[in-house]
Amino acid sequence: MVGKTAEDFLQVQINVDFRKEWDQTAIELKILERDPKTETDVVYWELRFPRFFTNRDYVFLRRCKVDETRKVITIINQSTNHSNCPPKSGKHRVKEFWSYMVIKPTTDFDKPGLEFVITYFDNPGIRMPAYISSWLTFTG
């Protein structure tokens, strides 16, 4: 991401309103609950799946930490349940999901330049051939 800061990139990842502007697969995306003590959000996300597939939705915990000493930002997401958001008819609730993203500025959080890595697991709840799974990953 040339010319962008680590802070900018963090906002692209966690700002649910902005994500709905640039991510055409995000049908619904909202923060259900926020705990300022633990800096944890409970997020609902409905994801548009390609034709012939049921849309997926997720309820997950999201926690962001900025480590000034090590100069890294981590975003941790993990599936959860929430009493105000039971599974919806016509959508497939993904029950097993987690991701870890680490964002490292090249020099400082507010200066251009960064590196990032994401590790992700999602159990879509259906069995499908590997070539279809790969196609969904690259097109979705």
N, C-alpha and C. Protein backbone atom coordinates (compact mmCIF):
# COMPACT_ATOMS: atom_id res chain seq x y z
N MET A 1 0.85 -1.18 0.00
CA MET A 1 0.00 0.00 0.00
C MET A 1 0.89 1.23 0.00
N VAL A 2 1.35 1.62 -1.13
CA VAL A 2 2.23 2.76 -1.26
C VAL A 2 1.45 4.04 -0.98
N GLY A 3 2.03 4.93 -0.18
CA GLY A 3 1.41 6.22 0.09
C GLY A 3 0.39 6.20 1.20
N LYS A 4 0.06 5.06 1.75
CA LYS A 4 -0.91 4.96 2.83
C LYS A 4 -0.18 4.59 4.11
N THR A 5 -0.79 5.02 5.22
CA THR A 5 -0.19 4.73 6.52
C THR A 5 -0.81 3.47 7.13
N ALA A 6 -0.17 2.96 8.15
CA ALA A 6 -0.72 1.81 8.88
C ALA A 6 -2.04 2.19 9.54
N GLU A 7 -2.15 3.43 10.02
CA GLU A 7 -3.42 3.90 10.60
C GLU A 7 -4.53 3.91 9.55
N ASP A 8 -4.23 4.37 8.33
CA ASP A 8 -5.21 4.36 7.23
C ASP A 8 -5.68 2.93 6.95
N PHE A 9 -4.73 2.04 6.85
CA PHE A 9 -5.04 0.64 6.53
C PHE A 9 -5.89 0.01 7.63
N LEU A 10 -5.60 0.33 8.89
CA LEU A 10 -6.40 -0.17 10.00
C LEU A 10 -7.85 0.28 9.85
N GLN A 11 -8.06 1.55 9.52
CA GLN A 11 -9.42 2.06 9.37
C GLN A 11 -10.16 1.38 8.22
N VAL A 12 -9.46 1.08 7.14
CA VAL A 12 -10.08 0.35 6.03
C VAL A 12 -10.57 -1.02 6.51
N GLN A 13 -9.84 -1.63 7.42
CA GLN A 13 -10.20 -2.95 7.91
C GLN A 13 -11.35 -2.92 8.92
N ILE A 14 -11.43 -1.91 9.77
CA ILE A 14 -12.38 -1.96 10.89
C ILE A 14 -13.57 -1.01 10.78
N ASN A 15 -13.55 -0.04 9.86
CA ASN A 15 -14.65 0.90 9.73
C ASN A 15 -15.77 0.23 8.92
N VAL A 16 -16.83 -0.21 9.61
CA VAL A 16 -17.89 -0.98 8.96
C VAL A 16 -18.64 -0.16 7.91
N ASP A 17 -18.84 1.13 8.15
CA ASP A 17 -19.54 1.96 7.16
C ASP A 17 -18.72 2.13 5.89
N PHE A 18 -17.43 2.38 6.05
CA PHE A 18 -16.56 2.53 4.88
C PHE A 18 -16.43 1.21 4.12
N ARG A 19 -16.37 0.10 4.86
CA ARG A 19 -16.24 -1.20 4.19
C ARG A 19 -17.42 -1.47 3.27
N LYS A 20 -18.62 -1.07 3.70
CA LYS A 20 -19.80 -1.27 2.86
C LYS A 20 -19.71 -0.45 1.56
N GLU A 21 -18.92 0.62 1.55
CA GLU A 21 -18.75 1.42 0.33
C GLU A 21 -17.85 0.73 -0.68
N TRP A 22 -16.77 0.10 -0.24
CA TRP A 22 -15.81 -0.47 -1.18
C TRP A 22 -15.93 -1.98 -1.36
N ASP A 23 -16.58 -2.68 -0.44
CA ASP A 23 -16.68 -4.14 -0.52
C ASP A 23 -18.07 -4.52 -1.04
N GLN A 24 -18.15 -4.87 -2.32
CA GLN A 24 -19.43 -5.20 -2.93
C GLN A 24 -20.04 -6.50 -2.41
N THR A 25 -19.27 -7.29 -1.69
CA THR A 25 -19.81 -8.54 -1.13
C THR A 25 -20.46 -8.32 0.23
N ALA A 26 -20.25 -7.15 0.84
CA ALA A 26 -20.80 -6.86 2.17
C ALA A 26 -22.24 -6.35 2.03
N ILE A 27 -23.19 -7.23 2.31
CA ILE A 27 -24.60 -6.85 2.23
C ILE A 27 -25.00 -6.09 3.48
N GLU A 28 -24.65 -6.65 4.62
CA GLU A 28 -24.93 -5.99 5.90
C GLU A 28 -23.70 -6.15 6.78
N LEU A 29 -23.34 -5.08 7.45
CA LEU A 29 -22.16 -5.09 8.30
C LEU A 29 -22.38 -4.06 9.39
N LYS A 30 -22.42 -4.53 10.64
CA LYS A 30 -22.68 -3.60 11.74
C LYS A 30 -22.07 -4.10 13.03
N ILE A 31 -21.81 -3.16 13.91
CA ILE A 31 -21.32 -3.50 15.24
C ILE A 31 -22.55 -3.69 16.14
N LEU A 32 -22.67 -4.88 16.70
CA LEU A 32 -23.80 -5.20 17.57
C LEU A 32 -23.59 -4.71 18.99
N GLU A 33 -22.33 -4.76 19.41
CA GLU A 33 -22.02 -4.40 20.79
C GLU A 33 -20.55 -4.00 20.87
N ARG A 34 -20.25 -3.07 21.75
CA ARG A 34 -18.86 -2.62 21.93
C ARG A 34 -18.54 -2.61 23.41
N ASP A 35 -17.40 -3.21 23.77
CA ASP A 35 -16.94 -3.21 25.16
C ASP A 35 -15.66 -2.38 25.24
N PRO A 36 -15.78 -1.13 25.70
CA PRO A 36 -14.58 -0.27 25.75
C PRO A 36 -13.50 -0.77 26.70
N LYS A 37 -13.89 -1.51 27.74
CA LYS A 37 -12.88 -2.01 28.70
C LYS A 37 -11.92 -2.98 28.03
N THR A 38 -12.46 -3.90 27.23
CA THR A 38 -11.61 -4.90 26.58
C THR A 38 -11.28 -4.51 25.14
N GLU A 39 -11.84 -3.37 24.68
CA GLU A 39 -11.65 -2.92 23.30
C GLU A 39 -12.09 -3.99 22.31
N THR A 40 -13.22 -4.63 22.61
CA THR A 40 -13.75 -5.71 21.78
C THR A 40 -15.10 -5.31 21.22
N ASP A 41 -15.30 -5.60 19.93
CA ASP A 41 -16.59 -5.39 19.28
C ASP A 41 -17.19 -6.75 18.95
N VAL A 42 -18.52 -6.81 18.98
CA VAL A 42 -19.24 -7.95 18.42
C VAL A 42 -19.80 -7.45 17.10
N VAL A 43 -19.45 -8.12 16.01
CA VAL A 43 -19.77 -7.65 14.67
C VAL A 43 -20.67 -8.66 13.97
N TYR A 44 -21.65 -8.14 13.22
CA TYR A 44 -22.47 -8.97 12.33
C TYR A 44 -22.10 -8.61 10.90
N TRP A 45 -21.91 -9.65 10.06
CA TRP A 45 -21.52 -9.43 8.67
C TRP A 45 -22.25 -10.43 7.79
N GLU A 46 -23.03 -9.92 6.85
CA GLU A 46 -23.63 -10.80 5.84
C GLU A 46 -22.85 -10.61 4.56
N LEU A 47 -22.41 -11.72 4.00
CA LEU A 47 -21.53 -11.74 2.84
C LEU A 47 -22.26 -12.32 1.64
N ARG A 48 -22.26 -11.58 0.53
CA ARG A 48 -22.88 -12.05 -0.70
C ARG A 48 -22.02 -13.17 -1.30
N PHE A 49 -22.65 -14.30 -1.54
CA PHE A 49 -21.97 -15.40 -2.19
C PHE A 49 -22.41 -15.45 -3.65
N PRO A 50 -21.61 -16.03 -4.52
CA PRO A 50 -21.99 -16.10 -5.93
C PRO A 50 -23.33 -16.82 -6.13
N ARG A 51 -23.93 -16.54 -7.27
CA ARG A 51 -25.19 -17.18 -7.63
C ARG A 51 -25.13 -18.69 -7.40
N PHE A 52 -26.23 -19.26 -7.07
CA PHE A 52 -26.39 -20.69 -6.78
C PHE A 52 -25.91 -21.08 -5.38
N PHE A 53 -25.38 -20.14 -4.63
CA PHE A 53 -24.95 -20.40 -3.27
C PHE A 53 -25.73 -19.50 -2.32
N THR A 54 -25.98 -19.98 -1.12
CA THR A 54 -26.66 -19.20 -0.10
C THR A 54 -25.68 -18.19 0.48
N ASN A 55 -26.16 -16.96 0.71
CA ASN A 55 -25.31 -15.97 1.35
C ASN A 55 -24.88 -16.47 2.72
N ARG A 56 -23.70 -16.08 3.14
CA ARG A 56 -23.16 -16.46 4.43
C ARG A 56 -23.30 -15.28 5.38
N ASP A 57 -23.47 -15.58 6.67
CA ASP A 57 -23.38 -14.51 7.65
C ASP A 57 -22.55 -14.97 8.83
N TYR A 58 -21.98 -14.00 9.50
CA TYR A 58 -21.03 -14.23 10.58
C TYR A 58 -21.41 -13.35 11.77
N VAL A 59 -21.20 -13.85 12.95
CA VAL A 59 -21.20 -13.05 14.17
C VAL A 59 -19.85 -13.34 14.81
N PHE A 60 -19.08 -12.29 15.03
CA PHE A 60 -17.73 -12.53 15.55
C PHE A 60 -17.27 -11.43 16.48
N LEU A 61 -16.33 -11.81 17.33
CA LEU A 61 -15.64 -10.87 18.21
C LEU A 61 -14.47 -10.30 17.44
N ARG A 62 -14.27 -8.99 17.56
CA ARG A 62 -13.13 -8.34 16.90
C ARG A 62 -12.40 -7.50 17.95
N ARG A 63 -11.11 -7.71 18.01
CA ARG A 63 -10.29 -6.94 18.96
C ARG A 63 -9.07 -6.41 18.22
N CYS A 64 -8.83 -5.12 18.37
CA CYS A 64 -7.67 -4.46 17.75
C CYS A 64 -6.76 -3.96 18.86
N LYS A 65 -5.49 -4.17 18.68
CA LYS A 65 -4.50 -3.68 19.64
C LYS A 65 -3.38 -3.00 18.87
N VAL A 66 -3.01 -1.82 19.36
CA VAL A 66 -1.88 -1.10 18.81
C VAL A 66 -0.75 -1.19 19.83
N ASP A 67 0.36 -1.78 19.43
CA ASP A 67 1.51 -1.93 20.31
C ASP A 67 2.55 -0.90 19.87
N GLU A 68 2.59 0.21 20.59
CA GLU A 68 3.51 1.31 20.26
C GLU A 68 4.97 0.89 20.40
N THR A 69 5.26 0.05 21.37
CA THR A 69 6.65 -0.37 21.61
C THR A 69 7.18 -1.22 20.46
N ARG A 70 6.41 -2.23 20.07
CA ARG A 70 6.83 -3.14 18.98
C ARG A 70 6.48 -2.60 17.60
N LYS A 71 5.69 -1.51 17.56
CA LYS A 71 5.23 -0.91 16.31
C LYS A 71 4.48 -1.91 15.44
N VAL A 72 3.46 -2.52 16.02
CA VAL A 72 2.58 -3.42 15.27
C VAL A 72 1.13 -3.20 15.72
N ILE A 73 0.23 -3.48 14.79
CA ILE A 73 -1.21 -3.46 15.08
C ILE A 73 -1.71 -4.88 14.82
N THR A 74 -2.49 -5.41 15.73
CA THR A 74 -3.08 -6.73 15.52
C THR A 74 -4.60 -6.59 15.53
N ILE A 75 -5.23 -7.34 14.64
CA ILE A 75 -6.69 -7.43 14.58
C ILE A 75 -7.02 -8.91 14.69
N ILE A 76 -7.76 -9.26 15.73
CA ILE A 76 -8.12 -10.66 15.97
C ILE A 76 -9.63 -10.79 15.86
N ASN A 77 -10.09 -11.71 15.02
CA ASN A 77 -11.51 -11.99 14.85
C ASN A 77 -11.77 -13.45 15.19
N GLN A 78 -12.89 -13.72 15.88
CA GLN A 78 -13.24 -15.09 16.21
C GLN A 78 -14.75 -15.21 16.29
N SER A 79 -15.29 -16.25 15.67
CA SER A 79 -16.74 -16.45 15.66
C SER A 79 -17.27 -16.56 17.08
N THR A 80 -18.52 -16.13 17.25
CA THR A 80 -19.19 -16.19 18.54
C THR A 80 -20.69 -16.25 18.28
N ASN A 81 -21.46 -16.30 19.34
CA ASN A 81 -22.91 -16.19 19.28
C ASN A 81 -23.30 -14.91 20.00
N HIS A 82 -24.46 -14.37 19.63
CA HIS A 82 -24.96 -13.17 20.30
C HIS A 82 -26.48 -13.28 20.38
N SER A 83 -27.01 -13.03 21.57
CA SER A 83 -28.45 -13.21 21.79
C SER A 83 -29.31 -12.31 20.90
N ASN A 84 -28.79 -11.15 20.50
CA ASN A 84 -29.55 -10.24 19.65
C ASN A 84 -29.42 -10.54 18.16
N CYS A 85 -28.70 -11.61 17.83
CA CYS A 85 -28.48 -11.91 16.41
C CYS A 85 -28.49 -13.42 16.17
N PRO A 86 -29.67 -14.05 16.31
CA PRO A 86 -29.75 -15.49 16.04
C PRO A 86 -29.61 -15.74 14.53
N PRO A 87 -29.33 -16.98 14.13
CA PRO A 87 -29.25 -17.29 12.70
C PRO A 87 -30.54 -16.86 11.98
N LYS A 88 -30.36 -16.36 10.74
CA LYS A 88 -31.48 -15.85 9.95
C LYS A 88 -31.87 -16.85 8.87
N SER A 89 -33.17 -16.94 8.64
CA SER A 89 -33.68 -17.81 7.58
C SER A 89 -33.15 -17.35 6.23
N GLY A 90 -32.75 -18.30 5.40
CA GLY A 90 -32.27 -17.98 4.06
C GLY A 90 -30.79 -17.63 3.99
N LYS A 91 -30.09 -17.68 5.12
CA LYS A 91 -28.65 -17.41 5.16
C LYS A 91 -27.97 -18.55 5.90
N HIS A 92 -26.74 -18.82 5.54
CA HIS A 92 -25.98 -19.85 6.23
C HIS A 92 -25.06 -19.18 7.24
N ARG A 93 -25.28 -19.47 8.52
CA ARG A 93 -24.44 -18.91 9.58
C ARG A 93 -23.13 -19.69 9.65
N VAL A 94 -22.02 -19.01 9.46
CA VAL A 94 -20.70 -19.63 9.58
C VAL A 94 -20.37 -19.66 11.07
N LYS A 95 -20.23 -20.86 11.61
CA LYS A 95 -20.04 -21.02 13.05
C LYS A 95 -18.58 -21.14 13.44
N GLU A 96 -17.73 -21.51 12.49
CA GLU A 96 -16.30 -21.63 12.78
C GLU A 96 -15.53 -20.66 11.89
N PHE A 97 -14.98 -19.64 12.50
CA PHE A 97 -14.26 -18.62 11.77
C PHE A 97 -13.25 -17.96 12.71
N TRP A 98 -12.07 -17.70 12.21
CA TRP A 98 -11.11 -16.88 12.94
C TRP A 98 -10.14 -16.26 11.94
N SER A 99 -9.59 -15.13 12.32
CA SER A 99 -8.53 -14.52 11.52
C SER A 99 -7.64 -13.68 12.42
N TYR A 100 -6.39 -13.61 12.02
CA TYR A 100 -5.40 -12.79 12.71
C TYR A 100 -4.70 -11.94 11.65
N MET A 101 -4.71 -10.64 11.83
CA MET A 101 -3.99 -9.76 10.93
C MET A 101 -2.97 -8.96 11.74
N VAL A 102 -1.78 -8.88 11.20
CA VAL A 102 -0.73 -8.06 11.81
C VAL A 102 -0.33 -7.01 10.78
N ILE A 103 -0.36 -5.75 11.21
CA ILE A 103 -0.01 -4.62 10.35
C ILE A 103 1.23 -3.98 10.96
N LYS A 104 2.25 -3.80 10.14
CA LYS A 104 3.51 -3.21 10.63
C LYS A 104 3.87 -2.03 9.74
N PRO A 105 3.96 -0.84 10.34
CA PRO A 105 4.38 0.31 9.53
C PRO A 105 5.85 0.18 9.14
N THR A 106 6.18 0.73 7.98
CA THR A 106 7.57 0.72 7.53
C THR A 106 8.44 1.53 8.49
N THR A 107 7.92 2.70 8.91
CA THR A 107 8.67 3.53 9.85
C THR A 107 7.83 3.86 11.08
N ASP A 108 6.67 4.50 10.88
CA ASP A 108 5.82 4.88 12.00
C ASP A 108 4.36 4.79 11.56
N PHE A 109 3.45 4.72 12.54
CA PHE A 109 2.03 4.51 12.27
C PHE A 109 1.42 5.58 11.37
N ASP A 110 1.91 6.82 11.47
CA ASP A 110 1.31 7.92 10.71
C ASP A 110 2.15 8.33 9.49
N LYS A 111 3.11 7.48 9.12
CA LYS A 111 3.95 7.74 7.94
C LYS A 111 3.61 6.71 6.86
N PRO A 112 3.72 7.09 5.57
CA PRO A 112 3.41 6.14 4.49
C PRO A 112 4.28 4.90 4.54
N GLY A 113 3.67 3.79 4.17
CA GLY A 113 4.38 2.51 4.05
C GLY A 113 3.99 1.54 5.14
N LEU A 114 3.71 0.30 4.73
CA LEU A 114 3.34 -0.74 5.69
C LEU A 114 3.50 -2.12 5.08
N GLU A 115 3.52 -3.10 5.93
CA GLU A 115 3.46 -4.50 5.56
C GLU A 115 2.34 -5.11 6.39
N PHE A 116 1.69 -6.15 5.85
CA PHE A 116 0.68 -6.84 6.64
C PHE A 116 0.64 -8.30 6.25
N VAL A 117 0.14 -9.09 7.18
CA VAL A 117 -0.07 -10.51 6.93
C VAL A 117 -1.38 -10.89 7.60
N ILE A 118 -2.12 -11.80 6.96
CA ILE A 118 -3.37 -12.29 7.54
C ILE A 118 -3.37 -13.81 7.49
N THR A 119 -3.80 -14.40 8.60
CA THR A 119 -4.02 -15.84 8.69
C THR A 119 -5.50 -16.02 8.96
N TYR A 120 -6.15 -16.90 8.21
CA TYR A 120 -7.60 -16.95 8.19
C TYR A 120 -8.10 -18.40 8.12
N PHE A 121 -9.16 -18.68 8.86
CA PHE A 121 -9.84 -19.97 8.75
C PHE A 121 -11.34 -19.73 8.75
N ASP A 122 -12.03 -20.40 7.85
CA ASP A 122 -13.48 -20.27 7.71
C ASP A 122 -14.02 -21.63 7.31
N ASN A 123 -14.89 -22.20 8.13
CA ASN A 123 -15.55 -23.45 7.77
C ASN A 123 -16.89 -23.08 7.16
N PRO A 124 -17.03 -23.16 5.82
CA PRO A 124 -18.25 -22.72 5.17
C PRO A 124 -19.46 -23.61 5.46
N GLY A 125 -19.23 -24.77 6.06
CA GLY A 125 -20.34 -25.62 6.45
C GLY A 125 -20.88 -26.51 5.34
N ILE A 126 -20.21 -26.51 4.20
CA ILE A 126 -20.63 -27.39 3.11
C ILE A 126 -19.39 -28.05 2.53
N ARG A 127 -19.59 -29.22 1.98
CA ARG A 127 -18.48 -29.91 1.32
C ARG A 127 -18.54 -29.58 -0.16
N MET A 128 -17.40 -29.18 -0.70
CA MET A 128 -17.33 -28.88 -2.12
C MET A 128 -15.94 -29.22 -2.63
N PRO A 129 -15.85 -29.51 -3.93
CA PRO A 129 -14.54 -29.82 -4.50
C PRO A 129 -13.58 -28.64 -4.32
N ALA A 130 -12.30 -28.97 -4.23
CA ALA A 130 -11.26 -27.95 -3.99
C ALA A 130 -11.26 -26.87 -5.07
N TYR A 131 -11.52 -27.24 -6.33
CA TYR A 131 -11.47 -26.24 -7.39
C TYR A 131 -12.60 -25.21 -7.23
N ILE A 132 -13.74 -25.62 -6.71
CA ILE A 132 -14.84 -24.68 -6.48
C ILE A 132 -14.49 -23.78 -5.29
N SER A 133 -13.94 -24.38 -4.25
CA SER A 133 -13.53 -23.59 -3.09
C SER A 133 -12.50 -22.54 -3.48
N SER A 134 -11.53 -22.92 -4.30
CA SER A 134 -10.52 -21.96 -4.78
C SER A 134 -11.15 -20.87 -5.62
N TRP A 135 -12.08 -21.25 -6.49
CA TRP A 135 -12.76 -20.26 -7.32
C TRP A 135 -13.52 -19.26 -6.47
N LEU A 136 -14.23 -19.73 -5.43
CA LEU A 136 -14.97 -18.83 -4.54
C LEU A 136 -14.04 -17.88 -3.82
N THR A 137 -12.89 -18.41 -3.39
CA THR A 137 -11.92 -17.58 -2.68
C THR A 137 -11.42 -16.44 -3.57
N PHE A 138 -11.12 -16.75 -4.82
CA PHE A 138 -10.55 -15.75 -5.70
C PHE A 138 -11.59 -14.82 -6.31
N THR A 139 -12.83 -15.26 -6.44
CA THR A 139 -13.85 -14.38 -7.03
C THR A 139 -14.67 -13.66 -5.99
N GLY A 140 -14.76 -14.20 -4.77
CA GLY A 140 -15.57 -13.59 -3.72
C GLY A 140 -14.80 -12.62 -2.93
